[in-house]
Protein backbone atom coordinates (compact mmCIF):
# COMPACT_ATOMS: atom_id res chain seq x y z
CA MET A 1 0.18 0.26 0.07
CA ALA A 2 1.46 3.34 -1.03
CA LEU A 3 1.77 5.65 1.96
CA THR A 4 1.74 9.25 1.17
CA GLN A 5 3.44 12.32 3.46
CA LEU A 6 0.67 14.65 4.15
CA PRO A 7 1.10 17.60 5.04
CA SER A 8 0.46 19.78 8.44
CA ALA A 9 -2.68 22.12 8.86
CA VAL A 10 -0.71 25.25 7.61
CA PRO A 11 -2.07 28.75 5.82
CA SER A 12 -2.51 27.76 1.96
CA GLU A 13 -1.10 30.55 0.15
CA ALA A 14 -2.37 32.78 -2.37
CA SER A 15 -1.72 31.66 -5.87
CA SER A 16 -0.03 33.71 -8.47
CA SER A 17 -2.97 33.39 -10.80
CA ALA A 18 -5.48 34.62 -8.13
CA PRO A 19 -3.04 37.22 -5.79
CA PHE A 20 -6.22 38.22 -3.92
CA ALA A 21 -7.58 34.76 -2.73
CA ALA A 22 -8.20 34.60 0.54
CA ARG A 23 -6.28 32.40 3.03
CA THR A 24 -7.40 29.79 4.86
CA TYR A 25 -6.85 26.49 6.81
CA ALA A 26 -6.58 23.03 5.57
CA ARG A 27 -7.09 21.97 9.27
CA SER A 28 -6.85 18.15 9.68
CA LEU A 29 -7.82 16.94 6.00
CA PRO A 30 -5.27 19.06 3.86
CA VAL A 31 -7.17 17.70 0.74
CA VAL A 32 -8.20 19.76 -2.19
CA PRO A 33 -10.87 18.50 -4.17
CA VAL A 34 -11.38 18.88 -7.70
CA ARG A 35 -13.17 15.76 -8.63
CA ALA A 36 -15.51 13.28 -7.12
CA ARG A 37 -18.17 10.33 -8.42
CA GLY A 38 -19.70 7.83 -5.61
CA LEU A 39 -17.27 7.09 -2.75
CA THR A 40 -13.88 8.43 -4.34
CA ILE A 41 -12.37 11.84 -4.52
CA GLU A 42 -9.41 13.19 -6.71
CA GLY A 43 -7.22 15.68 -4.75
CA ALA A 44 -5.51 18.71 -6.73
CA ASP A 45 -2.43 16.45 -6.19
CA GLY A 46 -3.98 13.62 -8.57
CA ARG A 47 -4.33 11.58 -5.42
CA ARG A 48 -7.83 9.65 -5.00
CA TYR A 49 -9.24 9.40 -1.80
CA LEU A 50 -12.30 7.11 -0.27
CA ASP A 51 -14.45 9.61 1.36
CA CYS A 52 -16.08 8.22 4.71
CA LEU A 53 -17.37 11.55 5.35
CA SER A 54 -19.85 11.82 2.91
CA GLY A 55 -20.61 15.85 3.36
CA ALA A 56 -21.23 14.36 7.23
CA GLY A 57 -23.91 12.07 5.94
CA ALA A 58 -25.28 14.52 3.64
CA LEU A 59 -24.20 12.54 0.44
CA ALA A 60 -26.34 9.33 0.57
CA LEU A 61 -25.55 8.60 -2.79
CA GLY A 62 -22.29 9.83 -2.87
CA HIS A 63 -20.43 12.77 -4.99
CA ASN A 64 -22.55 13.80 -8.09
CA HIS A 65 -25.12 10.74 -8.41
CA PRO A 66 -26.15 10.72 -12.02
CA VAL A 67 -30.04 10.64 -11.02
CA VAL A 68 -29.49 13.93 -8.65
CA LEU A 69 -26.97 15.66 -11.55
CA GLU A 70 -30.23 14.50 -13.80
CA ALA A 71 -32.67 15.80 -11.33
CA ILE A 72 -31.06 19.19 -11.14
CA ARG A 73 -30.10 19.50 -14.75
CA SER A 74 -33.94 19.15 -15.46
CA VAL A 75 -34.84 21.97 -13.13
CA LEU A 76 -32.15 24.25 -14.56
CA ASP A 77 -33.23 23.53 -18.17
CA SER A 78 -37.02 23.76 -17.65
CA GLY A 79 -36.89 27.41 -16.70
CA ALA A 80 -38.52 26.94 -13.64
CA PRO A 81 -37.96 29.51 -10.76
CA LEU A 82 -34.95 28.30 -8.45
CA HIS A 83 -36.14 29.83 -5.45
CA ALA A 84 -39.94 30.01 -3.79
CA PRO A 85 -39.81 30.36 -0.50
CA GLY A 86 -43.82 29.90 0.74
CA LEU A 87 -45.37 29.08 -2.52
CA ALA A 88 -46.47 25.93 -3.78
CA THR A 89 -45.00 24.35 -7.03
CA PRO A 90 -44.73 21.56 -8.57
CA VAL A 91 -41.01 20.51 -7.83
CA GLN A 92 -42.26 21.31 -4.27
CA ASP A 93 -45.14 18.49 -4.53
CA ALA A 94 -43.01 16.23 -6.10
CA PHE A 95 -40.86 16.35 -2.96
CA THR A 96 -43.28 16.22 -0.46
CA GLY A 97 -44.96 13.10 -1.98
CA GLU A 98 -41.75 10.90 -2.36
CA LEU A 99 -40.93 12.12 1.28
CA PHE A 100 -44.46 10.43 2.63
CA ALA A 101 -43.70 7.49 0.62
CA THR A 102 -41.52 6.53 3.02
CA LEU A 103 -42.30 7.61 6.03
CA PRO A 104 -43.88 5.45 9.68
CA ARG A 105 -47.49 4.99 8.03
CA GLY A 106 -48.68 6.77 11.17
CA LEU A 107 -47.13 9.63 10.56
CA ALA A 108 -47.32 9.32 6.54
CA GLU A 109 -51.27 9.14 7.14
CA SER A 110 -51.77 12.10 9.06
CA GLY A 111 -48.74 14.61 8.66
CA ARG A 112 -48.21 17.57 7.48
CA VAL A 113 -44.75 19.34 6.69
CA LEU A 114 -43.06 22.80 7.25
CA PHE A 115 -39.92 23.48 4.91
CA CYS A 116 -37.24 26.02 7.26
CA ALA A 117 -34.20 27.23 6.61
CA PRO A 118 -31.80 24.51 5.29
CA GLY A 119 -29.44 23.68 8.48
CA GLY A 120 -30.54 20.51 10.65
CA SER A 121 -30.60 23.78 13.93
CA ASP A 122 -33.12 25.60 11.96
CA ALA A 123 -35.12 22.35 11.75
CA LEU A 124 -34.98 21.76 15.33
CA ASP A 125 -35.62 25.39 16.31
CA THR A 126 -39.03 24.85 14.11
CA ALA A 127 -39.92 21.68 15.98
CA ALA A 128 -39.12 23.41 18.92
CA ARG A 129 -41.48 25.90 18.14
CA LEU A 130 -43.87 24.15 17.05
CA VAL A 131 -44.41 21.90 19.72
CA ARG A 132 -44.67 24.55 21.88
CA SER A 133 -47.42 26.52 20.22
CA ALA A 134 -49.43 23.27 20.13
CA THR A 135 -48.78 22.50 23.90
CA GLY A 136 -48.76 26.08 24.95
CA ARG A 137 -45.81 25.01 27.35
CA ASP A 138 -42.69 27.54 26.91
CA GLY A 139 -40.03 25.51 28.47
CA PRO A 140 -37.23 23.55 26.11
CA LEU A 141 -37.59 20.14 24.02
CA LEU A 142 -36.12 17.48 26.64
CA ALA A 143 -33.17 15.84 25.33
CA ARG A 144 -33.17 11.84 26.35
CA ARG A 145 -30.42 9.71 26.34
CA PRO A 146 -30.06 6.11 27.03
CA GLU A 147 -27.20 7.01 29.54
CA GLY A 148 -29.03 9.92 31.24
CA PRO A 149 -31.61 11.11 33.72
CA CYS A 150 -35.16 11.01 32.34
CA ASP A 151 -35.94 14.56 33.60
CA ALA A 152 -33.58 17.43 34.58
CA PRO A 153 -34.26 18.79 38.03
CA GLY A 154 -36.01 21.92 38.52
CA GLY A 155 -36.60 24.29 35.26
CA PRO A 156 -39.78 24.69 33.46
CA GLU A 157 -42.26 21.69 32.21
CA PRO A 158 -40.96 20.65 28.91
CA ALA A 159 -42.65 21.49 25.74
CA GLY A 160 -41.68 17.60 24.04
CA ILE A 161 -39.06 14.89 24.22
CA LEU A 162 -36.36 14.74 21.84
CA VAL A 163 -34.46 11.94 21.34
CA GLU A 164 -32.31 10.21 18.31
CA ALA A 165 -32.20 6.84 17.64
CA VAL A 166 -28.39 6.99 16.78
CA GLN A 167 -26.65 9.48 18.41
CA GLY A 168 -23.91 11.37 16.20
CA ARG A 169 -22.19 14.12 17.36
CA ASP A 170 -21.42 12.94 20.84
CA GLY A 171 -20.03 9.74 19.62
CA VAL A 172 -21.92 7.07 17.70
CA GLN A 173 -24.66 5.30 19.92
CA PRO A 174 -27.27 3.75 18.79
CA ALA A 175 -30.21 3.75 21.54
CA PRO A 176 -31.90 0.42 22.65
CA ASP A 177 -34.92 -0.10 20.70
CA ALA A 178 -36.57 -1.42 23.89
CA TRP A 179 -35.54 2.60 25.55
CA LEU A 180 -37.23 4.09 22.38
CA ARG A 181 -40.51 2.58 22.96
CA ARG A 182 -40.44 3.21 26.79
CA VAL A 183 -39.80 6.70 25.98
CA ARG A 184 -42.53 6.58 23.24
CA ALA A 185 -44.89 5.10 26.03
CA ASP A 186 -43.72 7.87 28.55
CA ALA A 187 -44.54 11.03 26.13
CA THR A 188 -47.49 9.46 25.44
CA ALA A 189 -48.77 9.03 28.99
CA ARG A 190 -47.72 12.62 29.65
CA ALA A 191 -49.11 14.35 26.72
CA LEU A 192 -45.76 15.42 25.49
CA PRO A 193 -45.02 15.42 21.83
CA LEU A 194 -41.96 13.41 20.87
CA VAL A 195 -39.45 14.81 18.55
CA ALA A 196 -37.32 12.37 17.03
CA ASP A 197 -33.79 14.07 15.22
CA GLU A 198 -33.37 12.43 11.67
CA THR A 199 -30.85 14.98 10.58
CA GLU A 200 -27.81 12.55 10.40
CA THR A 201 -29.77 9.06 10.94
CA GLY A 202 -32.31 9.71 8.39
CA VAL A 203 -32.61 8.42 4.38
CA GLY A 204 -31.53 4.52 5.04
CA ARG A 205 -28.52 5.45 7.06
CA THR A 206 -28.70 3.15 9.65
CA GLY A 207 -30.35 0.31 7.70
CA ALA A 208 -34.02 1.45 7.95
CA PHE A 209 -35.37 4.26 6.25
CA TRP A 210 -35.57 6.50 9.46
CA ALA A 211 -33.76 5.38 12.25
CA VAL A 212 -37.32 5.08 14.34
CA GLY A 213 -38.32 2.14 12.05
CA HIS A 214 -36.24 -0.05 14.14
CA SER A 215 -38.01 0.19 17.35
CA GLY A 216 -41.37 0.43 15.33
CA ILE A 217 -41.87 3.54 17.37
CA VAL A 218 -44.09 6.16 15.20
CA PRO A 219 -42.75 10.26 16.13
CA ASP A 220 -45.05 12.81 16.47
CA VAL A 221 -42.40 14.90 14.90
CA MET A 222 -39.40 14.10 13.05
CA VAL A 223 -36.74 16.66 11.95
CA LEU A 224 -35.59 15.97 8.65
CA SER A 225 -31.98 17.45 6.95
CA LYS A 226 -29.03 16.82 5.03
CA ALA A 227 -29.46 13.38 2.88
CA ILE A 228 -33.02 14.50 1.89
CA GLY A 229 -31.51 17.08 0.13
CA GLY A 230 -29.63 15.12 -1.98
CA SER A 231 -26.33 16.84 -1.29
CA LEU A 232 -27.66 20.01 -1.58
CA PRO A 233 -29.44 22.29 1.71
CA LEU A 234 -32.85 21.34 2.69
CA ALA A 235 -34.63 21.25 5.75
CA VAL A 236 -37.93 19.93 6.95
CA VAL A 237 -40.45 19.28 10.00
CA VAL A 238 -42.99 17.02 9.68
CA HIS A 239 -45.58 16.83 12.15
CA HIS A 240 -48.74 14.99 13.21
CA ASP A 241 -51.81 16.96 12.21
CA SER A 242 -53.33 16.84 15.97
CA LEU A 243 -50.02 19.89 16.53
CA GLY A 244 -51.91 21.81 14.11
CA SER A 245 -51.75 23.50 11.38
CA GLY A 246 -48.17 24.74 11.50
CA GLN A 247 -48.54 28.12 10.94
CA PRO A 248 -47.95 29.60 14.63
CA ALA A 249 -44.30 28.20 14.18
CA ASP A 250 -43.66 30.93 11.59
CA PRO A 251 -41.11 29.02 9.63
CA ALA A 252 -38.25 31.32 9.20
CA GLY A 253 -35.75 31.26 6.54
CA LEU A 254 -34.98 32.95 3.12
CA PHE A 255 -33.65 29.35 2.17
CA ARG A 256 -36.86 27.43 2.45
CA GLY A 257 -37.51 27.48 -1.00
CA ASN A 258 -34.27 26.10 -3.00
CA GLN A 259 -36.17 24.09 -6.04
CA LEU A 260 -32.70 22.73 -6.83
CA ALA A 261 -32.50 20.83 -3.27
CA MET A 262 -35.90 19.59 -3.43
CA ALA A 263 -35.57 18.12 -7.19
CA ALA A 264 -32.02 16.38 -5.88
CA GLY A 265 -34.17 15.36 -2.50
CA THR A 266 -36.82 13.82 -4.78
CA ALA A 267 -34.33 11.75 -6.75
CA THR A 268 -32.26 10.56 -4.14
CA LEU A 269 -35.45 9.13 -1.72
CA ARG A 270 -36.49 7.59 -4.78
CA TYR A 271 -33.27 6.02 -5.28
CA VAL A 272 -32.92 4.54 -2.24
CA ARG A 273 -36.33 3.44 -1.67
CA GLU A 274 -36.73 1.74 -4.94
CA HIS A 275 -33.14 -0.02 -5.06
CA GLY A 276 -33.47 -0.69 -1.24
CA LEU A 277 -30.48 0.76 0.03
CA ALA A 278 -31.42 1.09 3.17
CA GLU A 279 -31.58 -2.81 3.40
CA ARG A 280 -28.37 -3.20 1.77
CA ALA A 281 -26.81 -0.59 4.79
CA ALA A 282 -28.15 -2.83 7.08
CA VAL A 283 -26.22 -5.80 5.59
CA LEU A 284 -22.86 -3.91 4.80
CA GLY A 285 -22.77 -2.29 8.09
CA GLU A 286 -22.94 -5.26 9.96
CA ARG A 287 -20.03 -7.00 7.80
CA LEU A 288 -17.90 -3.56 8.71
CA LEU A 289 -18.57 -3.78 12.24
CA ASN A 290 -18.20 -7.30 12.43
CA GLY A 291 -14.36 -6.86 10.72
CA LEU A 292 -13.77 -4.16 12.95
CA ARG A 293 -15.13 -5.09 16.30
CA PRO A 294 -11.57 -7.19 16.64
CA LEU A 295 -9.63 -4.34 16.59
CA ALA A 296 -10.78 -3.54 20.23
CA HIS A 297 -9.35 -6.99 21.34
CA ALA A 298 -6.02 -6.40 19.23
CA TYR A 299 -4.81 -2.60 19.57
CA GLY A 300 -4.66 -0.94 22.65
CA CYS A 301 -5.77 2.26 21.25
CA VAL A 302 -9.35 0.85 20.54
CA GLN A 303 -11.38 1.37 22.89
CA ASP A 304 -14.80 0.31 21.34
CA VAL A 305 -16.60 -0.20 18.46
CA ARG A 306 -20.35 0.70 17.54
CA GLY A 307 -22.33 1.87 15.12
CA ARG A 308 -26.14 0.55 13.04
CA GLY A 309 -26.11 0.29 9.40
CA LEU A 310 -23.74 2.63 7.42
CA MET A 311 -22.84 4.81 10.97
CA ILE A 312 -19.80 3.75 12.59
CA GLY A 313 -17.97 4.83 14.82
CA VAL A 314 -14.49 3.47 16.14
CA ALA A 315 -13.33 4.87 19.89
CA CYS A 316 -10.22 5.77 20.39
CA ALA A 317 -7.97 5.30 23.39
CA ASP A 318 -9.75 6.45 26.43
CA PRO A 319 -11.50 9.94 26.50
CA GLU A 320 -11.26 10.14 30.30
CA ALA A 321 -7.30 9.46 30.02
CA PRO A 322 -5.21 12.62 31.69
CA ASN A 323 -4.08 15.26 29.67
CA ASP A 324 -0.22 16.20 28.76
CA ALA A 325 1.05 18.81 29.95
CA THR A 326 0.07 21.41 27.81
CA GLY A 327 -3.61 20.23 28.59
CA ARG A 328 -4.50 18.35 25.17
CA SER A 329 -6.26 15.42 25.50
CA ALA A 330 -4.47 11.82 24.87
CA ALA A 331 -7.46 10.43 23.30
CA LEU A 332 -7.63 13.33 20.80
CA ALA A 333 -3.89 12.59 19.83
CA GLN A 334 -4.89 8.62 19.20
CA ALA A 335 -7.20 9.68 17.02
CA ALA A 336 -6.21 12.28 15.29
CA THR A 337 -2.97 10.44 14.80
CA VAL A 338 -5.17 7.70 13.50
CA GLN A 339 -7.25 9.78 11.02
CA GLN A 340 -3.69 11.39 9.38
CA GLU A 341 -2.55 7.71 9.00
CA CYS A 342 -6.31 7.05 7.18
CA LEU A 343 -5.32 9.87 4.93
CA ARG A 344 -1.78 8.47 3.92
CA ARG A 345 -3.57 5.89 2.91
CA GLY A 346 -6.29 7.69 0.55
CA LEU A 347 -9.01 7.30 3.16
CA ILE A 348 -11.22 10.45 4.32
CA VAL A 349 -12.82 9.84 7.90
CA GLU A 350 -14.17 12.15 10.58
CA LEU A 351 -13.40 12.85 13.93
CA THR A 352 -16.00 12.92 16.49
CA GLY A 353 -17.61 12.22 19.74
CA ARG A 354 -16.09 13.34 23.55
CA CYS A 355 -12.88 15.19 23.15
CA SER A 356 -13.23 14.43 19.48
CA SER A 357 -11.84 11.01 20.51
CA GLU A 358 -13.78 8.53 17.86
CA ILE A 359 -13.14 7.80 14.39
CA ARG A 360 -16.47 8.05 12.13
CA LEU A 361 -17.50 6.18 9.01
CA MET A 362 -20.35 7.32 6.80
CA PRO A 363 -19.65 6.15 3.39
CA PRO A 364 -22.78 6.88 0.96
CA LEU A 365 -25.02 4.09 0.85
CA THR A 366 -23.91 3.10 -2.87
CA ILE A 367 -20.60 1.67 -1.11
CA THR A 368 -19.41 -1.47 -3.17
CA ASP A 369 -18.56 -4.65 -1.76
CA GLU A 370 -14.92 -4.18 -3.03
CA GLN A 371 -14.54 -0.45 -1.38
CA ALA A 372 -15.95 -1.62 1.57
CA ASP A 373 -13.16 -4.40 2.17
CA ALA A 374 -10.50 -1.29 0.77
CA VAL A 375 -12.27 0.69 3.84
CA LEU A 376 -11.54 -1.94 6.46
CA ASP A 377 -8.33 -2.56 5.14
CA ARG A 378 -7.16 0.92 5.17
CA LEU A 379 -8.55 1.97 8.64
CA SER A 380 -7.14 -1.67 10.20
CA ASP A 381 -3.58 -0.74 8.38
CA ALA A 382 -3.98 2.56 9.89
CA ILE A 383 -4.79 1.32 13.64
CA ALA A 384 -2.21 -1.07 13.60
CA THR A 385 0.49 1.24 12.85
CA VAL A 386 -0.98 4.00 15.49
CA SER A 387 -0.56 1.14 18.16
CA ARG A 388 2.63 0.41 17.48
CA THR A 389 3.68 3.56 17.49
CA SER A 390 1.51 4.66 20.30
CA ARG A 391 4.08 5.68 23.05
CA ARG A 392 5.45 8.10 20.30
CA ILE A 393 2.22 10.09 19.32
CA PRO A 394 2.69 13.88 19.24
CA THR A 395 -0.37 15.72 20.41
CA PRO A 396 -2.22 17.81 18.16
CA ARG A 397 -0.24 21.33 17.16
CA THR A 398 -2.65 24.53 16.42
CA PRO A 399 -2.63 26.01 13.17
CA LYS A 400 -0.46 29.00 14.56
CA GLU A 401 2.32 26.71 15.79
CA ALA A 402 2.26 24.28 12.26
CA GLY A 403 2.70 27.56 10.31
CA ALA A 404 6.39 26.48 10.40
CA ALA A 405 6.37 23.36 9.20
CA SER A 406 8.41 22.44 5.98
CA PRO A 407 5.85 21.65 2.81
CA ALA A 408 5.14 18.27 1.84
CA ARG A 409 7.25 16.19 -0.07
CA ARG A 410 5.85 13.38 -2.30
CA PRO A 411 7.30 10.08 -2.20
């Protein structure tokens, strides 16, 4: 396997052809992508990388999938408006129809959809205002986690209960199905709307079209973003019509009428549904997990391997380990070094979890068996290398410290 010496996170100099270009930092992934298709990214240096970041989960079909490109071109060539916030359009109607064809039956039969600004946080804010308006309560959405308490002591009565079937931001943590069913029952008993955040887990990512499908629960509200836009910015809130028309929530955001994103989203939702990619993600994800779990026993720098479908986390070291003399996390140093070793082998992975101590894999649902084997081989080899040299792992440097680093040399 050919390895490449990588540059540190140093400021990129303005090129002679663009003397006024902004100076930016490549951070931990010094890759300049110039072309991409499916799982593969080609950098400006001519190298090809397997992208297991997938736009943080926004690219369910990978980069530049033909059905997505065709959907975008169709809208562009039609002369239809590209931006129509608050207006019903044929493109929006097609998106809504395809979306409702995939929702849990209890919500699809009696649901309404709110278009909001295109970020996941925008959708969460819209959902919070919706349930406050519907319940008359001013409290927050109460986030419930399997390892946390049922309710925070004190404070106002919550307006609703928020759950993630698979947590992502704080490390990949699948919630037990039985626990989700208990939360559903508790929310019903307390007359609190149950809000499911499917921002990262939706559109087949976890092996079911929506992650709540594993447990069989039907939430009152679903928060959807990322993959539903087919690689373009889009977010919606779907809610049971018992919560009202949605008008009191006053969805904000100038860009909630992005027609290109709706067309790309329609094509993506349909392709995932018609080609059974959620079911394939379940099978392929289990195969990857079975290949990765032995690493936790074989190497000291791997603490745990968790995941569901094609949303997988490899926890490096121990987030409770003491920091070094500079106050930097030993766990972060481990994970950052694994990430850099992956990049040297042509594999792009993300850091997440506590102290950024977890490697997260979110490949597109279109990944082939051969590509999955290559991901497993490259990640395993990177972890083996880090394990052998773990006593000599340097702590990550700040961009200022890295500025004095010498330029990278290609082998």
